[in-house]
Amino acid sequence: MTRMSIGWREQLASEFDNAEKARGEGNEGKARVCARRAAGIAIREYFARRGIPVSGSSAYDLLGRLIESPEIRPDQKENCIHLTLRVSEDFHLPVNVDLIEEARQLCSALLPDWMS
């Protein structure tokens, strides 16, 4: 089954499961990537519901596009900014945040029905 053949809810659940599994295995880099991908899935659905076309955009690009959207709240913008932060040479974020939780907060804000 390909990613496109399953629904966005299942994709979100899968990415969050993968993020938690990666974190549990001590692979925080993979956890960050999965959290970012989950946010991208939610943003794509959010834009689709508003009739805003998106095609071929990466999660990183979608986060940047959402940051520029005038309709998002400051806390949502902050979630996006955290999810687009670059890690340092020793693979640490410049701020102390949990990107899995940041992605969950963003998904819940954009798609209140995502867990139903």
Foldseek 3Di string as FASTA:
>chain_A
DDPVVDDLLVLLVVLLVQLVVCVVVVNNVSNLVSLLQSLLSLLCVLCVVVVHDDPPDGSLRSLVVVLPDPPDDPLLNVLSVQSNADADPVRHGPDDDDNNVSSVVNSCVSPVPSVD
